[in-house]
Amino acid sequence: MSVMSAIALFGIIWFLVLFVVLPIRLETQAEAGKVEPGTPASAPSDAKIVQKFKIVTAIAVVLWVVSASVLISGVLTLESIDFFGEWRRSF
């Protein structure tokens, strides 16, 4: 795995985890009872974005290490996950 592939894999994992973590423990302005003028009631009252970024980064590092280890070790290859390879060769 090249360096750019590793960075791309980490970025993809990081954003996937971010989209999972963002709505967790989200309190809207309507739930807090304080809606700021000019914002929708469904806007977050306190997103705690720095805390969520730290959590996302920690989870993404663990998932990246596992996935990169599997890819580098050769346990999982393109040939082993090519489900349609045999089907394509039959035509």
PDB file of N, CA and C in Angstrom:
ATOM      1  N   MET A   1       0.856  -1.163   0.000  1.00  0.00           N
ATOM      2  CA  MET A   1       0.000   0.000   0.000  1.00  0.00           C
ATOM      3  C   MET A   1       0.902   1.225   0.000  1.00  0.00           C
ATOM      4  N   SER A   2       0.641   2.122  -0.929  1.00  0.00           N
ATOM      5  CA  SER A   2       1.444   3.340  -0.995  1.00  0.00           C
ATOM      6  C   SER A   2       0.975   4.335   0.063  1.00  0.00           C
ATOM      7  N   VAL A   3       1.770   5.370   0.241  1.00  0.00           N
ATOM      8  CA  VAL A   3       1.447   6.385   1.247  1.00  0.00           C
ATOM      9  C   VAL A   3       0.141   7.093   0.896  1.00  0.00           C
ATOM     10  N   MET A   4      -0.041   7.407  -0.370  1.00  0.00           N
ATOM     11  CA  MET A   4      -1.269   8.098  -0.785  1.00  0.00           C
ATOM     12  C   MET A   4      -2.493   7.196  -0.612  1.00  0.00           C
ATOM     13  N   SER A   5      -2.341   5.909  -0.848  1.00  0.00           N
ATOM     14  CA  SER A   5      -3.454   4.978  -0.627  1.00  0.00           C
ATOM     15  C   SER A   5      -3.804   4.905   0.849  1.00  0.00           C
ATOM     16  N   ALA A   6      -2.786   4.911   1.694  1.00  0.00           N
ATOM     17  CA  ALA A   6      -3.021   4.870   3.140  1.00  0.00           C
ATOM     18  C   ALA A   6      -3.726   6.136   3.613  1.00  0.00           C
ATOM     19  N   ILE A   7      -3.323   7.279   3.090  1.00  0.00           N
ATOM     20  CA  ILE A   7      -3.961   8.546   3.460  1.00  0.00           C
ATOM     21  C   ILE A   7      -5.408   8.578   2.971  1.00  0.00           C
ATOM     22  N   ALA A   8      -5.621   8.120   1.743  1.00  0.00           N
ATOM     23  CA  ALA A   8      -6.984   8.090   1.202  1.00  0.00           C
ATOM     24  C   ALA A   8      -7.877   7.154   2.002  1.00  0.00           C
ATOM     25  N   LEU A   9      -7.353   5.990   2.377  1.00  0.00           N
ATOM     26  CA  LEU A   9      -8.115   5.040   3.181  1.00  0.00           C
ATOM     27  C   LEU A   9      -8.472   5.646   4.535  1.00  0.00           C
ATOM     28  N   PHE A  10      -7.512   6.323   5.153  1.00  0.00           N
ATOM     29  CA  PHE A  10      -7.781   6.958   6.443  1.00  0.00           C
ATOM     30  C   PHE A  10      -8.848   8.046   6.299  1.00  0.00           C
ATOM     31  N   GLY A  11      -8.757   8.850   5.250  1.00  0.00           N
ATOM     32  CA  GLY A  11      -9.751   9.907   5.029  1.00  0.00           C
ATOM     33  C   GLY A  11     -11.157   9.356   4.840  1.00  0.00           C
ATOM     34  N   ILE A  12     -11.266   8.293   4.084  1.00  0.00           N
ATOM     35  CA  ILE A  12     -12.578   7.685   3.857  1.00  0.00           C
ATOM     36  C   ILE A  12     -13.137   7.124   5.158  1.00  0.00           C
ATOM     37  N   ILE A  13     -12.305   6.428   5.909  1.00  0.00           N
ATOM     38  CA  ILE A  13     -12.752   5.875   7.189  1.00  0.00           C
ATOM     39  C   ILE A  13     -13.130   6.992   8.147  1.00  0.00           C
ATOM     40  N   TRP A  14     -12.327   8.067   8.183  1.00  0.00           N
ATOM     41  CA  TRP A  14     -12.581   9.174   9.109  1.00  0.00           C
ATOM     42  C   TRP A  14     -13.938   9.815   8.825  1.00  0.00           C
ATOM     43  N   PHE A  15     -14.225  10.091   7.559  1.00  0.00           N
ATOM     44  CA  PHE A  15     -15.501  10.724   7.227  1.00  0.00           C
ATOM     45  C   PHE A  15     -16.686   9.791   7.456  1.00  0.00           C
ATOM     46  N   LEU A  16     -16.519   8.503   7.191  1.00  0.00           N
ATOM     47  CA  LEU A  16     -17.603   7.558   7.478  1.00  0.00           C
ATOM     48  C   LEU A  16     -17.917   7.523   8.973  1.00  0.00           C
ATOM     49  N   VAL A  17     -16.880   7.485   9.796  1.00  0.00           N
ATOM     50  CA  VAL A  17     -17.088   7.482  11.243  1.00  0.00           C
ATOM     51  C   VAL A  17     -17.689   8.818  11.693  1.00  0.00           C
ATOM     52  N   LEU A  18     -17.262   9.914  11.081  1.00  0.00           N
ATOM     53  CA  LEU A  18     -17.808  11.235  11.437  1.00  0.00           C
ATOM     54  C   LEU A  18     -19.319  11.274  11.225  1.00  0.00           C
ATOM     55  N   PHE A  19     -19.781  10.754  10.087  1.00  0.00           N
ATOM     56  CA  PHE A  19     -21.211  10.788   9.806  1.00  0.00           C
ATOM     57  C   PHE A  19     -22.003   9.888  10.743  1.00  0.00           C
ATOM     58  N   VAL A  20     -21.359   8.889  11.316  1.00  0.00           N
ATOM     59  CA  VAL A  20     -22.026   8.038  12.304  1.00  0.00           C
ATOM     60  C   VAL A  20     -22.069   8.735  13.662  1.00  0.00           C
ATOM     61  N   VAL A  21     -20.987   9.425  14.025  1.00  0.00           N
ATOM     62  CA  VAL A  21     -20.866  10.011  15.364  1.00  0.00           C
ATOM     63  C   VAL A  21     -21.598  11.349  15.489  1.00  0.00           C
ATOM     64  N   LEU A  22     -21.706  12.118  14.431  1.00  0.00           N
ATOM     65  CA  LEU A  22     -22.302  13.455  14.529  1.00  0.00           C
ATOM     66  C   LEU A  22     -23.685  13.495  15.189  1.00  0.00           C
ATOM     67  N   PRO A  23     -24.620  12.637  14.837  1.00  0.00           N
ATOM     68  CA  PRO A  23     -25.948  12.757  15.453  1.00  0.00           C
ATOM     69  C   PRO A  23     -26.050  12.188  16.868  1.00  0.00           C
ATOM     70  N   ILE A  24     -25.004  11.553  17.375  1.00  0.00           N
ATOM     71  CA  ILE A  24     -25.068  10.968  18.713  1.00  0.00           C
ATOM     72  C   ILE A  24     -25.068  12.080  19.759  1.00  0.00           C
ATOM     73  N   ARG A  25     -26.005  11.994  20.704  1.00  0.00           N
ATOM     74  CA  ARG A  25     -26.168  12.967  21.791  1.00  0.00           C
ATOM     75  C   ARG A  25     -26.345  14.398  21.283  1.00  0.00           C
ATOM     76  N   LEU A  26     -27.025  14.544  20.184  1.00  0.00           N
ATOM     77  CA  LEU A  26     -27.286  15.859  19.618  1.00  0.00           C
ATOM     78  C   LEU A  26     -28.511  16.464  20.300  1.00  0.00           C
ATOM     79  N   GLU A  27     -28.351  17.649  20.826  1.00  0.00           N
ATOM     80  CA  GLU A  27     -29.466  18.353  21.450  1.00  0.00           C
ATOM     81  C   GLU A  27     -29.793  19.568  20.592  1.00  0.00           C
ATOM     82  N   THR A  28     -31.022  19.610  20.087  1.00  0.00           N
ATOM     83  CA  THR A  28     -31.418  20.722  19.231  1.00  0.00           C
ATOM     84  C   THR A  28     -31.783  21.936  20.077  1.00  0.00           C
ATOM     85  N   GLN A  29     -31.877  23.072  19.409  1.00  0.00           N
ATOM     86  CA  GLN A  29     -32.258  24.292  20.112  1.00  0.00           C
ATOM     87  C   GLN A  29     -33.683  24.184  20.649  1.00  0.00           C
ATOM     88  N   ALA A  30     -34.546  23.484  19.936  1.00  0.00           N
ATOM     89  CA  ALA A  30     -35.925  23.306  20.396  1.00  0.00           C
ATOM     90  C   ALA A  30     -35.959  22.481  21.682  1.00  0.00           C
ATOM     91  N   GLU A  31     -35.122  21.438  21.743  1.00  0.00           N
ATOM     92  CA  GLU A  31     -35.068  20.615  22.946  1.00  0.00           C
ATOM     93  C   GLU A  31     -34.484  21.379  24.123  1.00  0.00           C
ATOM     94  N   ALA A  32     -33.540  22.271  23.842  1.00  0.00           N
ATOM     95  CA  ALA A  32     -32.927  23.068  24.902  1.00  0.00           C
ATOM     96  C   ALA A  32     -33.836  24.213  25.339  1.00  0.00           C
ATOM     97  N   GLY A  33     -34.806  24.552  24.501  1.00  0.00           N
ATOM     98  CA  GLY A  33     -35.736  25.624  24.838  1.00  0.00           C
ATOM     99  C   GLY A  33     -35.209  27.014  24.544  1.00  0.00           C
ATOM    100  N   LYS A  34     -34.146  27.108  23.772  1.00  0.00           N
ATOM    101  CA  LYS A  34     -33.553  28.397  23.424  1.00  0.00           C
ATOM    102  C   LYS A  34     -33.266  28.426  21.934  1.00  0.00           C
ATOM    103  N   VAL A  35     -34.191  28.961  21.148  1.00  0.00           N
ATOM    104  CA  VAL A  35     -34.003  29.053  19.702  1.00  0.00           C
ATOM    105  C   VAL A  35     -33.471  30.445  19.380  1.00  0.00           C
ATOM    106  N   GLU A  36     -32.289  30.493  18.783  1.00  0.00           N
ATOM    107  CA  GLU A  36     -31.685  31.765  18.387  1.00  0.00           C
ATOM    108  C   GLU A  36     -32.441  32.315  17.186  1.00  0.00           C
ATOM    109  N   PRO A  37     -32.699  33.617  17.171  1.00  0.00           N
ATOM    110  CA  PRO A  37     -33.390  34.213  16.016  1.00  0.00           C
ATOM    111  C   PRO A  37     -32.582  34.008  14.730  1.00  0.00           C
ATOM    112  N   GLY A  38     -33.272  33.642  13.684  1.00  0.00           N
ATOM    113  CA  GLY A  38     -32.634  33.440  12.385  1.00  0.00           C
ATOM    114  C   GLY A  38     -32.120  32.037  12.155  1.00  0.00           C
ATOM    115  N   THR A  39     -32.298  31.150  13.130  1.00  0.00           N
ATOM    116  CA  THR A  39     -31.864  29.763  12.959  1.00  0.00           C
ATOM    117  C   THR A  39     -33.068  28.844  13.117  1.00  0.00           C
ATOM    118  N   PRO A  40     -33.032  27.681  12.477  1.00  0.00           N
ATOM    119  CA  PRO A  40     -34.137  26.743  12.645  1.00  0.00           C
ATOM    120  C   PRO A  40     -34.105  26.107  14.035  1.00  0.00           C
ATOM    121  N   ALA A  41     -35.233  25.674  14.488  1.00  0.00           N
ATOM    122  CA  ALA A  41     -35.315  25.047  15.813  1.00  0.00           C
ATOM    123  C   ALA A  41     -34.565  23.718  15.859  1.00  0.00           C
ATOM    124  N   SER A  42     -34.319  23.127  14.699  1.00  0.00           N
ATOM    125  CA  SER A  42     -33.617  21.845  14.662  1.00  0.00           C
ATOM    126  C   SER A  42     -32.098  21.998  14.665  1.00  0.00           C
ATOM    127  N   ALA A  43     -31.599  23.224  14.689  1.00  0.00           N
ATOM    128  CA  ALA A  43     -30.151  23.443  14.737  1.00  0.00           C
ATOM    129  C   ALA A  43     -29.613  23.015  16.101  1.00  0.00           C
ATOM    130  N   PRO A  44     -28.403  22.498  16.142  1.00  0.00           N
ATOM    131  CA  PRO A  44     -27.854  22.058  17.427  1.00  0.00           C
ATOM    132  C   PRO A  44     -27.608  23.233  18.363  1.00  0.00           C
ATOM    133  N   SER A  45     -27.888  23.017  19.638  1.00  0.00           N
ATOM    134  CA  SER A  45     -27.634  24.077  20.609  1.00  0.00           C
ATOM    135  C   SER A  45     -26.161  24.115  20.973  1.00  0.00           C
ATOM    136  N   ASP A  46     -25.546  22.951  21.135  1.00  0.00           N
ATOM    137  CA  ASP A  46     -24.108  22.852  21.367  1.00  0.00           C
ATOM    138  C   ASP A  46     -23.638  21.586  20.672  1.00  0.00           C
ATOM    139  N   ALA A  47     -22.955  21.751  19.551  1.00  0.00           N
ATOM    140  CA  ALA A  47     -22.571  20.597  18.739  1.00  0.00           C
ATOM    141  C   ALA A  47     -21.436  19.790  19.353  1.00  0.00           C
ATOM    142  N   LYS A  48     -20.636  20.392  20.235  1.00  0.00           N
ATOM    143  CA  LYS A  48     -19.472  19.725  20.843  1.00  0.00           C
ATOM    144  C   LYS A  48     -18.598  19.118  19.759  1.00  0.00           C
ATOM    145  N   ILE A  49     -18.310  19.921  18.744  1.00  0.00           N
ATOM    146  CA  ILE A  49     -17.640  19.419  17.553  1.00  0.00           C
ATOM    147  C   ILE A  49     -16.201  19.012  17.827  1.00  0.00           C
ATOM    148  N   VAL A  50     -15.493  19.729  18.700  1.00  0.00           N
ATOM    149  CA  VAL A  50     -14.101  19.372  18.988  1.00  0.00           C
ATOM    150  C   VAL A  50     -14.037  18.021  19.684  1.00  0.00           C
ATOM    151  N   GLN A  51     -14.930  17.803  20.628  1.00  0.00           N
ATOM    152  CA  GLN A  51     -14.976  16.516  21.325  1.00  0.00           C
ATOM    153  C   GLN A  51     -15.314  15.389  20.354  1.00  0.00           C
ATOM    154  N   LYS A  52     -16.240  15.638  19.450  1.00  0.00           N
ATOM    155  CA  LYS A  52     -16.625  14.617  18.478  1.00  0.00           C
ATOM    156  C   LYS A  52     -15.499  14.347  17.491  1.00  0.00           C
ATOM    157  N   PHE A  53     -14.740  15.376  17.103  1.00  0.00           N
ATOM    158  CA  PHE A  53     -13.599  15.169  16.209  1.00  0.00           C
ATOM    159  C   PHE A  53     -12.539  14.292  16.877  1.00  0.00           C
ATOM    160  N   LYS A  54     -12.329  14.481  18.164  1.00  0.00           N
ATOM    161  CA  LYS A  54     -11.356  13.655  18.890  1.00  0.00           C
ATOM    162  C   LYS A  54     -11.818  12.199  18.939  1.00  0.00           C
ATOM    163  N   ILE A  55     -13.093  11.991  19.209  1.00  0.00           N
ATOM    164  CA  ILE A  55     -13.640  10.633  19.250  1.00  0.00           C
ATOM    165  C   ILE A  55     -13.550   9.980  17.877  1.00  0.00           C
ATOM    166  N   VAL A  56     -13.920  10.732  16.841  1.00  0.00           N
ATOM    167  CA  VAL A  56     -13.882  10.219  15.472  1.00  0.00           C
ATOM    168  C   VAL A  56     -12.457   9.848  15.082  1.00  0.00           C
ATOM    169  N   THR A  57     -11.498  10.682  15.429  1.00  0.00           N
ATOM    170  CA  THR A  57     -10.115  10.401  15.082  1.00  0.00           C
ATOM    171  C   THR A  57      -9.612   9.139  15.782  1.00  0.00           C
ATOM    172  N   ALA A  58      -9.948   8.982  17.052  1.00  0.00           N
ATOM    173  CA  ALA A  58      -9.514   7.787  17.784  1.00  0.00           C
ATOM    174  C   ALA A  58     -10.110   6.523  17.182  1.00  0.00           C
ATOM    175  N   ILE A  59     -11.390   6.543  16.865  1.00  0.00           N
ATOM    176  CA  ILE A  59     -12.042   5.376  16.272  1.00  0.00           C
ATOM    177  C   ILE A  59     -11.485   5.105  14.875  1.00  0.00           C
ATOM    178  N   ALA A  60     -11.272   6.174  14.097  1.00  0.00           N
ATOM    179  CA  ALA A  60     -10.766   6.011  12.732  1.00  0.00           C
ATOM    180  C   ALA A  60      -9.354   5.433  12.722  1.00  0.00           C
ATOM    181  N   VAL A  61      -8.526   5.833  13.684  1.00  0.00           N
ATOM    182  CA  VAL A  61      -7.163   5.290  13.747  1.00  0.00           C
ATOM    183  C   VAL A  61      -7.209   3.785  14.002  1.00  0.00           C
ATOM    184  N   VAL A  62      -8.056   3.362  14.925  1.00  0.00           N
ATOM    185  CA  VAL A  62      -8.172   1.934  15.226  1.00  0.00           C
ATOM    186  C   VAL A  62      -8.665   1.166  13.999  1.00  0.00           C
ATOM    187  N   LEU A  63      -9.715   1.669  13.369  1.00  0.00           N
ATOM    188  CA  LEU A  63     -10.244   0.989  12.181  1.00  0.00           C
ATOM    189  C   LEU A  63      -9.241   0.997  11.036  1.00  0.00           C
ATOM    190  N   TRP A  64      -8.482   2.093  10.887  1.00  0.00           N
ATOM    191  CA  TRP A  64      -7.490   2.179   9.824  1.00  0.00           C
ATOM    192  C   TRP A  64      -6.359   1.183  10.055  1.00  0.00           C
ATOM    193  N   VAL A  65      -5.905   1.067  11.295  1.00  0.00           N
ATOM    194  CA  VAL A  65      -4.826   0.118  11.600  1.00  0.00           C
ATOM    195  C   VAL A  65      -5.273  -1.303  11.280  1.00  0.00           C
ATOM    196  N   VAL A  66      -6.486  -1.646  11.650  1.00  0.00           N
ATOM    197  CA  VAL A  66      -7.000  -2.990  11.368  1.00  0.00           C
ATOM    198  C   VAL A  66      -7.104  -3.218   9.864  1.00  0.00           C
ATOM    199  N   SER A  67      -7.719  -2.280   9.152  1.00  0.00           N
ATOM    200  CA  SER A  67      -7.912  -2.480   7.714  1.00  0.00           C
ATOM    201  C   SER A  67      -6.589  -2.439   6.949  1.00  0.00           C
ATOM    202  N   ALA A  68      -5.678  -1.548   7.325  1.00  0.00           N
ATOM    203  CA  ALA A  68      -4.380  -1.496   6.652  1.00  0.00           C
ATOM    204  C   ALA A  68      -3.579  -2.767   6.929  1.00  0.00           C
ATOM    205  N   SER A  69      -3.671  -3.278   8.141  1.00  0.00           N
ATOM    206  CA  SER A  69      -2.962  -4.521   8.472  1.00  0.00           C
ATOM    207  C   SER A  69      -3.470  -5.689   7.635  1.00  0.00           C
ATOM    208  N   VAL A  70      -4.766  -5.757   7.478  1.00  0.00           N
ATOM    209  CA  VAL A  70      -5.355  -6.836   6.667  1.00  0.00           C
ATOM    210  C   VAL A  70      -4.919  -6.705   5.210  1.00  0.00           C
ATOM    211  N   LEU A  71      -4.926  -5.492   4.693  1.00  0.00           N
ATOM    212  CA  LEU A  71      -4.548  -5.292   3.294  1.00  0.00           C
ATOM    213  C   LEU A  71      -3.063  -5.545   3.064  1.00  0.00           C
ATOM    214  N   ILE A  72      -2.219  -5.074   3.983  1.00  0.00           N
ATOM    215  CA  ILE A  72      -0.776  -5.241   3.815  1.00  0.00           C
ATOM    216  C   ILE A  72      -0.361  -6.704   3.999  1.00  0.00           C
ATOM    217  N   SER A  73      -1.006  -7.404   4.921  1.00  0.00           N
ATOM    218  CA  SER A  73      -0.628  -8.795   5.188  1.00  0.00           C
ATOM    219  C   SER A  73      -0.975  -9.724   4.035  1.00  0.00           C
ATOM    220  N   GLY A  74      -1.890  -9.335   3.187  1.00  0.00           N
ATOM    221  CA  GLY A  74      -2.275 -10.170   2.062  1.00  0.00           C
ATOM    222  C   GLY A  74      -3.387 -11.144   2.381  1.00  0.00           C
ATOM    223  N   VAL A  75      -3.968 -11.043   3.574  1.00  0.00           N
ATOM    224  CA  VAL A  75      -5.092 -11.912   3.931  1.00  0.00           C
ATOM    225  C   VAL A  75      -6.259 -11.653   2.995  1.00  0.00           C
ATOM    226  N   LEU A  76      -6.469 -10.406   2.639  1.00  0.00           N
ATOM    227  CA  LEU A  76      -7.554 -10.014   1.751  1.00  0.00           C
ATOM    228  C   LEU A  76      -6.942  -9.409   0.494  1.00  0.00           C
ATOM    229  N   THR A  77      -7.210 -10.015  -0.633  1.00  0.00           N
ATOM    230  CA  THR A  77      -6.702  -9.515  -1.909  1.00  0.00           C
ATOM    231  C   THR A  77      -7.863  -9.245  -2.851  1.00  0.00           C
ATOM    232  N   LEU A  78      -7.559  -8.598  -3.954  1.00  0.00           N
ATOM    233  CA  LEU A  78      -8.595  -8.323  -4.939  1.00  0.00           C
ATOM    234  C   LEU A  78      -9.161  -9.614  -5.505  1.00  0.00           C
ATOM    235  N   GLU A  79      -8.308 -10.593  -5.687  1.00  0.00           N
ATOM    236  CA  GLU A  79      -8.769 -11.873  -6.224  1.00  0.00           C
ATOM    237  C   GLU A  79      -9.690 -12.594  -5.240  1.00  0.00           C
ATOM    238  N   SER A  80      -9.446 -12.428  -3.946  1.00  0.00           N
ATOM    239  CA  SER A  80     -10.275 -13.129  -2.964  1.00  0.00           C
ATOM    240  C   SER A  80     -11.650 -12.493  -2.796  1.00  0.00           C
ATOM    241  N   ILE A  81     -11.802 -11.239  -3.193  1.00  0.00           N
ATOM    242  CA  ILE A  81     -13.109 -10.595  -3.059  1.00  0.00           C
ATOM    243  C   ILE A  81     -13.781 -10.378  -4.410  1.00  0.00           C
ATOM    244  N   ASP A  82     -13.198 -10.930  -5.462  1.00  0.00           N
ATOM    245  CA  ASP A  82     -13.775 -10.793  -6.790  1.00  0.00           C
ATOM    246  C   ASP A  82     -14.879 -11.832  -6.960  1.00  0.00           C
ATOM    247  N   PHE A  83     -16.073 -11.478  -6.493  1.00  0.00           N
ATOM    248  CA  PHE A  83     -17.204 -12.399  -6.509  1.00  0.00           C
ATOM    249  C   PHE A  83     -17.660 -12.740  -7.928  1.00  0.00           C
ATOM    250  N   PHE A  84     -17.514 -11.792  -8.826  1.00  0.00           N
ATOM    251  CA  PHE A  84     -18.047 -11.978 -10.165  1.00  0.00           C
ATOM    252  C   PHE A  84     -16.992 -12.418 -11.164  1.00  0.00           C
ATOM    253  N   GLY A  85     -15.794 -12.693 -10.695  1.00  0.00           N
ATOM    254  CA  GLY A  85     -14.717 -13.097 -11.599  1.00  0.00           C
ATOM    255  C   GLY A  85     -15.037 -14.374 -12.343  1.00  0.00           C
ATOM    256  N   GLU A  86     -15.486 -15.369 -11.616  1.00  0.00           N
ATOM    257  CA  GLU A  86     -15.827 -16.651 -12.229  1.00  0.00           C
ATOM    258  C   GLU A  86     -17.035 -16.498 -13.149  1.00  0.00           C
ATOM    259  N   TRP A  87     -17.977 -15.678 -12.757  1.00  0.00           N
ATOM    260  CA  TRP A  87     -19.183 -15.443 -13.566  1.00  0.00           C
ATOM    261  C   TRP A  87     -18.809 -14.764 -14.876  1.00  0.00           C
ATOM    262  N   ARG A  88     -17.889 -13.785 -14.831  1.00  0.00           N
ATOM    263  CA  ARG A  88     -17.487 -13.077 -16.039  1.00  0.00           C
ATOM    264  C   ARG A  88     -16.719 -13.987 -16.985  1.00  0.00           C
ATOM    265  N   ARG A  89     -15.925 -14.887 -16.432  1.00  0.00           N
ATOM    266  CA  ARG A  89     -15.127 -15.772 -17.270  1.00  0.00           C
ATOM    267  C   ARG A  89     -15.991 -16.804 -17.996  1.00  0.00           C
ATOM    268  N   SER A  90     -17.206 -17.027 -17.514  1.00  0.00           N
ATOM    269  CA  SER A  90     -18.056 -18.039 -18.141  1.00  0.00           C
ATOM    270  C   SER A  90     -18.690 -17.518 -19.441  1.00  0.00           C
ATOM    271  N   PHE A  91     -18.621 -16.221 -19.689  1.00  0.00           N
ATOM    272  CA  PHE A  91     -19.220 -15.665 -20.899  1.00  0.00           C
ATOM    273  C   PHE A  91     -18.241 -15.555 -22.009  1.00  0.00           C
TER     274      PHE A  91
END
